[in-house]
Amino acid sequence: MNNCIIEMKEIKKYFYGVKALDGVDFKIRTGEVHALIGENGAGKSTLVKILTGVYQPTAGTIILNDKSVQFPSPQISQKAGISAIHQEATMFPDLSVMENIFMGHHIRNKSNGLLLWREMKDTTQSLLDKLELDIRSDTKVRNLSVAQRHMVEIAKALSLDAKVVIMDEPTSALTLKEVEYLYKIIRKLKSEGKAIIFISHKFEEVFEIADYFTVLRDGKYIGEGTIADITEDKIVQMVIGRSLEKMYPKLEAEQGNIILKVENLTKIGVFKNISFDLHKGEILGFFGLVGAGRSEVMQIIFGIDSKTSGEVFIDGEKVYIANPSDAMNFGLAYLPEDRQIQGAILAMNTRENITLPIIDRTSRHIFLDRNREFEITDEYGKYIEIKASG
């Protein structure tokens, strides 16, 4: 266990009888970028939340610097030198960069408790300079790009003297140039002896930046190893439990009729003359960098936004989609990129979220039919293998 800073042994976490983690082992060393890999629902986020004190394990042991520890709160985890940078930057947009960096751990005068604004400002600027960021400490966070916000989160981790930095899907909203800059920062942190937990679904990123990996599947520990000694195909097999050839065998399929046709769709200032055909039984991929207009095209087709010009045809018939209700009536569904903000109501349970778009099928006049809700949730939950208690 050479230079091992954290070791998690036989970690279990149950939610109302559902096993989110079932005996997971994980360890990370100083000066190492460790990729935590697994499909959605594999248990990565749950493991990280236990490490950061958000959740308490049902069973298992956490060892920090050869001593058994517990993290009953995020604050205690932070004091132990663990800091997380989440996929969605968790900052206050109307506060300055400095105020966000020192939120919860302001520098105070030891004798009278007053805030030492000048010292915090100087420290912030020093952190920004260390990360080679062209940002002023008094800049409002709402005026920063997504990439800059992630860098400020890293600066906050450094202000906490973090020994372990967790990065959860840090590149999901970054351009290629911004990703390269993030890699540069990660390598710099690694050279300083920081331990980096890197969570990503993108295998090319894992092979580019990580030294070591651990794979989780269905809440279980599957395996670990050095990146240099593994192939992408082998990791994929560990993640999904079978080879890609078995999961996606080559099938001979006839191209069906055109089910959705888009002609010269235009939104001034965003995109121009987008045309494509989608055939029945076909998967059509849209590629492009952040800001290329992919999401905006789909939002207009689904009626979330309005077009400047262009036409949409469904089953050969020209249609007018003024809002999402129209789109749903035509048989369209939309899964937004930001599912936490746009795709789900977090205060509602799984059953309520699944059945909300089809409330007309689960209600009788003004009353909800709970039995029908459970039937629909159970049917589609099994179909896409959702593991939830309600």
Protein backbone atom coordinates (compact mmCIF):
# COMPACT_ATOMS: atom_id res chain seq x y z
CA MET A 1 0.00 0.00 0.00
CA ASN A 2 2.87 2.33 -0.95
CA ASN A 3 1.93 6.07 -0.63
CA CYS A 4 -1.74 5.09 -0.23
CA ILE A 5 -3.59 8.12 1.14
CA ILE A 6 -7.12 6.69 1.18
CA GLU A 7 -8.41 3.13 1.27
CA MET A 8 -12.09 2.20 1.36
CA LYS A 9 -12.81 -1.41 2.34
CA GLU A 10 -16.01 -3.42 1.86
CA ILE A 11 -18.15 -0.29 1.56
CA LYS A 12 -21.88 -0.99 1.55
CA LYS A 13 -24.73 1.48 1.16
CA TYR A 14 -28.42 0.61 1.16
CA PHE A 15 -31.32 2.94 0.39
CA TYR A 16 -34.63 1.53 1.64
CA GLY A 17 -33.50 -1.99 0.80
CA VAL A 18 -31.87 -1.09 -2.53
CA LYS A 19 -28.15 -1.94 -2.64
CA ALA A 20 -26.37 1.08 -4.10
CA LEU A 21 -22.97 -0.29 -3.04
CA ASP A 22 -22.27 -3.90 -2.14
CA GLY A 23 -18.83 -4.48 -0.68
CA VAL A 24 -16.81 -2.00 -2.76
CA ASP A 25 -13.04 -1.61 -2.35
CA PHE A 26 -11.22 1.52 -3.52
CA LYS A 27 -7.84 3.06 -2.83
CA ILE A 28 -5.80 5.95 -4.19
CA ARG A 29 -2.19 7.00 -3.82
CA THR A 30 -0.53 10.40 -3.66
CA GLY A 31 0.58 11.81 -7.00
CA GLU A 32 -1.86 9.57 -8.87
CA VAL A 33 -4.74 10.22 -11.25
CA HIS A 34 -7.19 7.41 -10.53
CA ALA A 35 -10.11 6.89 -12.93
CA LEU A 36 -13.34 5.68 -11.34
CA ILE A 37 -15.26 3.99 -14.15
CA GLY A 38 -18.74 2.55 -14.51
CA GLU A 39 -22.09 3.02 -16.20
CA ASN A 40 -24.79 5.28 -14.80
CA GLY A 41 -26.06 3.60 -11.65
CA ALA A 42 -22.84 1.66 -11.09
CA GLY A 43 -22.32 3.37 -7.73
CA LYS A 44 -19.62 5.95 -8.54
CA SER A 45 -21.52 8.96 -7.21
CA THR A 46 -22.61 7.09 -4.08
CA LEU A 47 -19.02 6.09 -3.32
CA VAL A 48 -17.86 9.69 -3.79
CA LYS A 49 -20.65 11.02 -1.57
CA ILE A 50 -19.56 8.64 1.19
CA LEU A 51 -15.97 9.83 0.81
CA THR A 52 -17.08 13.48 0.98
CA GLY A 53 -19.38 13.00 3.98
CA VAL A 54 -22.68 13.51 2.16
CA TYR A 55 -23.75 9.89 2.83
CA GLN A 56 -22.82 7.58 5.66
CA PRO A 57 -21.92 3.99 4.72
CA THR A 58 -24.19 1.19 5.86
CA ALA A 59 -21.04 -0.86 6.45
CA GLY A 60 -17.35 -0.75 5.65
CA THR A 61 -14.17 1.05 6.64
CA ILE A 62 -12.44 4.23 5.43
CA ILE A 63 -8.71 4.53 6.11
CA LEU A 64 -6.97 7.89 5.75
CA ASN A 65 -3.19 7.95 6.12
CA ASP A 66 -3.26 4.51 7.81
CA LYS A 67 -5.92 5.56 10.35
CA SER A 68 -9.58 4.50 10.38
CA VAL A 69 -11.81 7.57 10.00
CA GLN A 70 -15.44 8.60 9.63
CA PHE A 71 -16.81 11.57 7.72
CA PRO A 72 -20.17 12.45 9.33
CA SER A 73 -20.38 15.70 7.32
CA PRO A 74 -18.87 17.34 4.22
CA GLN A 75 -17.13 19.87 6.46
CA ILE A 76 -15.21 17.14 8.30
CA SER A 77 -14.28 15.52 4.99
CA GLN A 78 -12.96 18.86 3.74
CA LYS A 79 -10.93 19.38 6.90
CA ALA A 80 -9.39 15.96 6.28
CA GLY A 81 -8.15 17.24 2.89
CA ILE A 82 -10.81 15.89 0.53
CA SER A 83 -12.44 18.22 -1.97
CA ALA A 84 -14.93 17.52 -4.78
CA ILE A 85 -15.47 19.35 -8.05
CA HIS A 86 -18.90 18.38 -9.29
CA GLN A 87 -20.21 18.08 -12.84
CA GLU A 88 -22.43 21.12 -12.26
CA ALA A 89 -20.32 23.83 -10.63
CA THR A 90 -21.71 24.47 -7.13
CA MET A 91 -21.14 28.19 -6.75
CA PHE A 92 -23.09 31.35 -6.03
CA PRO A 93 -23.36 33.24 -9.34
CA ASP A 94 -23.95 36.69 -7.81
CA LEU A 95 -20.93 36.50 -5.53
CA SER A 96 -17.35 37.19 -6.58
CA VAL A 97 -14.69 34.60 -7.31
CA MET A 98 -13.03 35.41 -3.98
CA GLU A 99 -16.27 35.09 -2.02
CA ASN A 100 -16.99 31.72 -3.61
CA ILE A 101 -13.50 30.39 -2.97
CA PHE A 102 -13.61 31.27 0.73
CA MET A 103 -17.28 30.45 1.31
CA GLY A 104 -17.44 28.48 4.57
CA HIS A 105 -13.80 29.00 5.52
CA HIS A 106 -13.17 32.76 5.57
CA ILE A 107 -9.87 34.10 6.84
CA ARG A 108 -10.56 35.97 10.08
CA ASN A 109 -8.64 38.07 12.56
CA LYS A 110 -7.85 35.69 15.42
CA SER A 111 -8.38 38.34 18.10
CA ASN A 112 -11.70 39.90 17.04
CA GLY A 113 -13.12 37.55 14.40
CA LEU A 114 -13.34 40.21 11.68
CA LEU A 115 -12.94 39.10 8.07
CA LEU A 116 -9.55 39.81 6.55
CA TRP A 117 -10.70 40.88 3.10
CA ARG A 118 -7.29 42.01 1.85
CA GLU A 119 -5.64 38.71 2.81
CA MET A 120 -8.44 36.71 1.15
CA LYS A 121 -8.19 38.82 -1.99
CA ASP A 122 -4.41 38.40 -2.18
CA THR A 123 -4.68 34.64 -1.54
CA THR A 124 -7.35 34.32 -4.23
CA GLN A 125 -5.25 36.15 -6.78
CA SER A 126 -2.27 33.97 -5.88
CA LEU A 127 -4.35 30.82 -6.47
CA LEU A 128 -5.65 32.16 -9.80
CA ASP A 129 -2.11 33.03 -10.88
CA LYS A 130 -0.93 29.54 -9.92
CA LEU A 131 -3.57 28.08 -12.23
CA GLU A 132 -2.61 30.62 -14.92
CA LEU A 133 -6.15 32.00 -14.99
CA ASP A 134 -6.79 35.44 -16.45
CA ILE A 135 -9.56 36.16 -13.94
CA ARG A 136 -9.88 38.94 -11.35
CA SER A 137 -10.72 37.96 -7.79
CA ASP A 138 -13.64 40.42 -7.71
CA THR A 139 -15.27 39.09 -10.92
CA LYS A 140 -18.84 37.85 -10.45
CA VAL A 141 -19.08 34.10 -11.08
CA ARG A 142 -22.07 34.56 -13.41
CA ASN A 143 -19.70 36.33 -15.83
CA LEU A 144 -17.40 33.30 -16.11
CA SER A 145 -17.52 30.54 -18.69
CA VAL A 146 -18.23 26.95 -17.65
CA ALA A 147 -14.54 26.11 -17.97
CA GLN A 148 -13.54 29.09 -15.84
CA ARG A 149 -16.03 28.05 -13.16
CA HIS A 150 -14.44 24.61 -13.02
CA MET A 151 -11.03 26.25 -12.61
CA VAL A 152 -12.38 28.37 -9.74
CA GLU A 153 -13.62 25.15 -8.11
CA ILE A 154 -10.07 23.80 -8.39
CA ALA A 155 -8.76 27.04 -6.85
CA LYS A 156 -11.19 26.54 -3.96
CA ALA A 157 -9.89 23.00 -3.46
CA LEU A 158 -6.35 24.39 -3.29
CA SER A 159 -7.46 27.04 -0.78
CA LEU A 160 -8.67 24.19 1.43
CA ASP A 161 -5.23 22.55 1.11
CA ALA A 162 -6.90 19.49 -0.41
CA LYS A 163 -4.77 16.37 -0.62
CA VAL A 164 -7.45 14.47 -2.58
CA VAL A 165 -9.35 16.20 -5.41
CA ILE A 166 -12.41 14.48 -6.87
CA MET A 167 -13.41 15.51 -10.40
CA ASP A 168 -16.85 14.29 -11.47
CA GLU A 169 -17.27 14.42 -15.28
CA PRO A 170 -15.20 17.63 -15.41
CA THR A 171 -15.06 17.81 -19.23
CA SER A 172 -18.76 17.33 -19.99
CA ALA A 173 -19.36 20.96 -21.00
CA LEU A 174 -15.86 21.94 -22.16
CA THR A 175 -14.45 22.57 -25.61
CA LEU A 176 -11.42 20.59 -26.82
CA LYS A 177 -9.13 23.52 -26.03
CA GLU A 178 -10.57 23.82 -22.53
CA VAL A 179 -10.17 20.07 -21.98
CA GLU A 180 -6.49 20.30 -22.90
CA TYR A 181 -6.06 23.13 -20.40
CA LEU A 182 -7.79 21.05 -17.71
CA TYR A 183 -5.38 18.19 -18.43
CA LYS A 184 -2.49 20.60 -17.94
CA ILE A 185 -3.84 21.61 -14.52
CA ILE A 186 -4.44 17.98 -13.51
CA ARG A 187 -0.86 17.07 -14.41
CA LYS A 188 0.38 20.03 -12.39
CA LEU A 189 -1.63 18.96 -9.34
CA LYS A 190 -0.34 15.41 -9.77
CA SER A 191 3.27 16.64 -9.85
CA GLU A 192 2.62 18.37 -6.51
CA GLY A 193 1.58 15.07 -4.95
CA LYS A 194 -2.19 15.57 -5.06
CA ALA A 195 -4.34 12.47 -5.49
CA ILE A 196 -6.93 12.97 -8.25
CA ILE A 197 -10.08 10.86 -8.53
CA PHE A 198 -11.23 11.30 -12.13
CA ILE A 199 -14.77 10.19 -13.01
CA SER A 200 -15.57 9.97 -16.71
CA HIS A 201 -17.60 8.01 -19.25
CA LYS A 202 -15.14 8.91 -21.99
CA PHE A 203 -12.51 6.22 -22.35
CA GLU A 204 -10.24 8.40 -24.48
CA GLU A 205 -9.99 10.79 -21.50
CA VAL A 206 -9.23 7.94 -19.11
CA PHE A 207 -6.37 6.70 -21.29
CA GLU A 208 -5.09 10.25 -21.79
CA ILE A 209 -4.91 11.43 -18.18
CA ALA A 210 -5.26 8.51 -15.73
CA ASP A 211 -2.55 6.31 -14.21
CA TYR A 212 -4.79 3.79 -12.50
CA PHE A 213 -8.42 2.69 -12.72
CA THR A 214 -11.16 1.03 -10.70
CA VAL A 215 -14.33 -0.34 -12.32
CA LEU A 216 -17.72 -0.58 -10.59
CA ARG A 217 -20.78 -2.36 -11.97
CA ASP A 218 -24.22 -2.62 -10.37
CA GLY A 219 -22.84 -1.36 -7.07
CA LYS A 220 -20.06 -3.96 -6.97
CA TYR A 221 -16.28 -3.76 -7.23
CA ILE A 222 -15.24 -5.42 -10.50
CA GLY A 223 -11.52 -4.78 -10.69
CA GLU A 224 -8.64 -2.33 -10.82
CA GLY A 225 -5.27 -1.93 -12.46
CA THR A 226 -2.82 0.36 -14.21
CA ILE A 227 -3.93 2.07 -17.41
CA ALA A 228 -0.69 1.05 -19.13
CA ASP A 229 -1.57 -2.63 -18.71
CA ILE A 230 -5.17 -2.59 -19.99
CA THR A 231 -6.91 -2.11 -23.32
CA GLU A 232 -10.06 -0.13 -23.97
CA ASP A 233 -11.92 -3.26 -25.07
CA LYS A 234 -11.05 -4.97 -21.78
CA ILE A 235 -12.26 -2.03 -19.70
CA VAL A 236 -15.50 -1.90 -21.70
CA GLN A 237 -16.02 -5.59 -21.01
CA MET A 238 -15.46 -4.98 -17.28
CA VAL A 239 -17.91 -2.06 -17.30
CA ILE A 240 -20.79 -3.78 -19.12
CA GLY A 241 -20.11 -7.39 -18.16
CA ARG A 242 -19.71 -8.73 -21.68
CA SER A 243 -17.84 -7.96 -24.88
CA LEU A 244 -18.99 -5.25 -27.26
CA GLU A 245 -19.46 -7.87 -29.97
CA LYS A 246 -21.99 -9.72 -27.80
CA MET A 247 -23.70 -6.54 -26.63
CA TYR A 248 -23.88 -4.95 -30.06
CA PRO A 249 -23.81 -7.78 -32.63
CA LYS A 250 -23.89 -6.77 -36.27
CA LEU A 251 -27.45 -6.98 -37.52
CA GLU A 252 -28.81 -6.79 -41.02
CA ALA A 253 -31.58 -4.22 -40.91
CA GLU A 254 -33.66 -2.74 -43.68
CA GLN A 255 -33.99 1.01 -43.66
CA GLY A 256 -37.56 1.92 -42.76
CA ASN A 257 -39.69 4.80 -43.92
CA ILE A 258 -38.77 8.38 -43.07
CA ILE A 259 -40.46 9.07 -39.74
CA LEU A 260 -39.02 12.56 -39.10
CA LYS A 261 -37.89 15.00 -41.78
CA VAL A 262 -36.39 18.44 -41.13
CA GLU A 263 -35.83 20.92 -43.96
CA ASN A 264 -33.78 24.13 -43.80
CA LEU A 265 -34.35 24.70 -40.09
CA THR A 266 -32.91 28.09 -39.15
CA LYS A 267 -32.54 30.11 -35.96
CA ILE A 268 -30.84 33.42 -36.71
CA GLY A 269 -27.57 33.75 -34.84
CA VAL A 270 -27.56 30.10 -33.75
CA PHE A 271 -27.71 27.80 -36.79
CA LYS A 272 -28.77 27.93 -40.44
CA ASN A 273 -30.39 25.56 -42.96
CA ILE A 274 -30.26 22.33 -40.95
CA SER A 275 -31.81 19.43 -42.88
CA PHE A 276 -31.91 15.71 -42.12
CA ASP A 277 -34.04 12.56 -42.41
CA LEU A 278 -34.63 10.07 -39.61
CA HIS A 279 -35.82 6.62 -40.66
CA LYS A 280 -37.86 4.19 -38.62
CA GLY A 281 -35.57 1.85 -36.66
CA GLU A 282 -32.57 4.14 -37.12
CA ILE A 283 -30.25 5.83 -34.61
CA LEU A 284 -29.08 9.19 -35.97
CA GLY A 285 -26.13 10.82 -34.21
CA PHE A 286 -25.51 14.59 -34.01
CA PHE A 287 -21.90 15.61 -33.43
CA GLY A 288 -20.25 18.95 -32.71
CA LEU A 289 -18.32 20.94 -30.13
CA VAL A 290 -19.92 22.83 -27.26
CA GLY A 291 -21.85 25.76 -28.78
CA ALA A 292 -22.23 24.16 -32.22
CA GLY A 293 -26.03 24.23 -31.94
CA ARG A 294 -26.91 20.54 -31.48
CA SER A 295 -29.10 21.03 -28.41
CA GLU A 296 -30.70 24.13 -29.89
CA VAL A 297 -31.83 22.21 -32.99
CA MET A 298 -33.51 19.55 -30.86
CA GLN A 299 -35.12 22.12 -28.57
CA ILE A 300 -36.76 23.80 -31.54
CA ILE A 301 -38.00 20.49 -32.96
CA PHE A 302 -39.50 19.70 -29.54
CA GLY A 303 -41.15 23.13 -29.24
CA ILE A 304 -39.05 24.47 -26.38
CA ASP A 305 -37.80 27.33 -28.56
CA SER A 306 -39.08 28.92 -31.76
CA LYS A 307 -37.48 28.77 -35.19
CA THR A 308 -36.86 31.59 -37.63
CA SER A 309 -37.71 29.41 -40.62
CA GLY A 310 -37.76 25.82 -41.81
CA GLU A 311 -40.20 22.91 -41.83
CA VAL A 312 -40.71 19.70 -39.86
CA PHE A 313 -42.49 16.62 -41.23
CA ILE A 314 -43.65 13.58 -39.25
CA ASP A 315 -44.69 10.49 -41.23
CA GLY A 316 -44.72 12.65 -44.36
CA GLU A 317 -47.10 15.25 -42.93
CA LYS A 318 -46.00 18.84 -42.32
CA VAL A 319 -46.49 19.69 -38.64
CA TYR A 320 -46.45 22.83 -36.53
CA ILE A 321 -44.96 22.34 -33.07
CA ALA A 322 -45.54 25.37 -30.88
CA ASN A 323 -44.70 23.79 -27.52
CA PRO A 324 -43.61 20.50 -25.90
CA SER A 325 -47.22 19.37 -25.53
CA ASP A 326 -47.62 19.52 -29.31
CA ALA A 327 -44.39 17.54 -29.72
CA MET A 328 -45.54 14.83 -27.31
CA ASN A 329 -48.87 14.56 -29.12
CA PHE A 330 -46.91 13.88 -32.32
CA GLY A 331 -44.97 11.10 -30.57
CA LEU A 332 -41.75 12.96 -29.80
CA ALA A 333 -39.81 12.76 -26.54
CA TYR A 334 -36.88 14.89 -25.38
CA LEU A 335 -34.13 13.98 -22.90
CA PRO A 336 -32.30 17.23 -22.05
CA GLU A 337 -28.55 17.48 -21.58
CA ASP A 338 -28.93 18.95 -18.08
CA ARG A 339 -31.24 16.31 -16.63
CA GLN A 340 -30.85 17.56 -13.05
CA ILE A 341 -32.24 21.01 -13.86
CA GLN A 342 -34.40 20.42 -16.96
CA GLY A 343 -35.24 16.73 -16.87
CA ALA A 344 -36.38 15.91 -13.36
CA ILE A 345 -38.16 17.43 -10.37
CA LEU A 346 -35.80 16.49 -7.57
CA ALA A 347 -38.39 17.02 -4.83
CA MET A 348 -40.53 14.27 -6.38
CA ASN A 349 -39.82 10.56 -6.16
CA THR A 350 -38.99 8.23 -9.05
CA ARG A 351 -42.60 7.16 -9.60
CA GLU A 352 -43.87 10.74 -9.76
CA ASN A 353 -41.15 11.81 -12.19
CA ILE A 354 -41.76 8.86 -14.53
CA THR A 355 -45.52 9.38 -14.71
CA LEU A 356 -45.63 13.20 -14.69
CA PRO A 357 -45.51 13.55 -18.52
CA ILE A 358 -48.46 11.13 -18.86
CA ILE A 359 -50.57 12.40 -16.00
CA ASP A 360 -53.66 12.11 -18.19
CA ARG A 361 -53.18 8.32 -18.10
CA THR A 362 -52.76 8.17 -14.32
CA SER A 363 -55.59 10.43 -13.22
CA ARG A 364 -59.34 10.21 -12.93
CA HIS A 365 -60.81 13.67 -13.12
CA ILE A 366 -58.91 15.51 -10.36
CA PHE A 367 -57.66 12.39 -8.56
CA LEU A 368 -54.43 10.48 -9.20
CA ASP A 369 -54.60 6.72 -9.60
CA ARG A 370 -51.63 5.61 -7.48
CA ASN A 371 -52.05 1.96 -8.48
CA ARG A 372 -51.76 2.92 -12.14
CA GLU A 373 -48.66 5.00 -11.34
CA PHE A 374 -47.02 2.00 -9.69
CA GLU A 375 -47.92 -0.27 -12.63
CA ILE A 376 -46.39 2.10 -15.19
CA THR A 377 -43.31 2.75 -13.06
CA ASP A 378 -42.76 -0.96 -12.53
CA GLU A 379 -43.21 -1.74 -16.25
CA TYR A 380 -40.79 0.86 -17.57
CA GLY A 381 -38.44 0.61 -14.59
CA LYS A 382 -37.86 -3.05 -15.44
CA TYR A 383 -37.54 -2.25 -19.14
CA ILE A 384 -34.61 0.13 -18.63
CA GLU A 385 -33.35 -1.53 -15.43
CA ILE A 386 -33.95 1.30 -12.97
CA LYS A 387 -32.95 0.46 -9.41
CA ALA A 388 -34.99 2.63 -7.07
CA SER A 389 -37.21 2.21 -4.04
CA GLY A 390 -40.03 4.52 -5.09
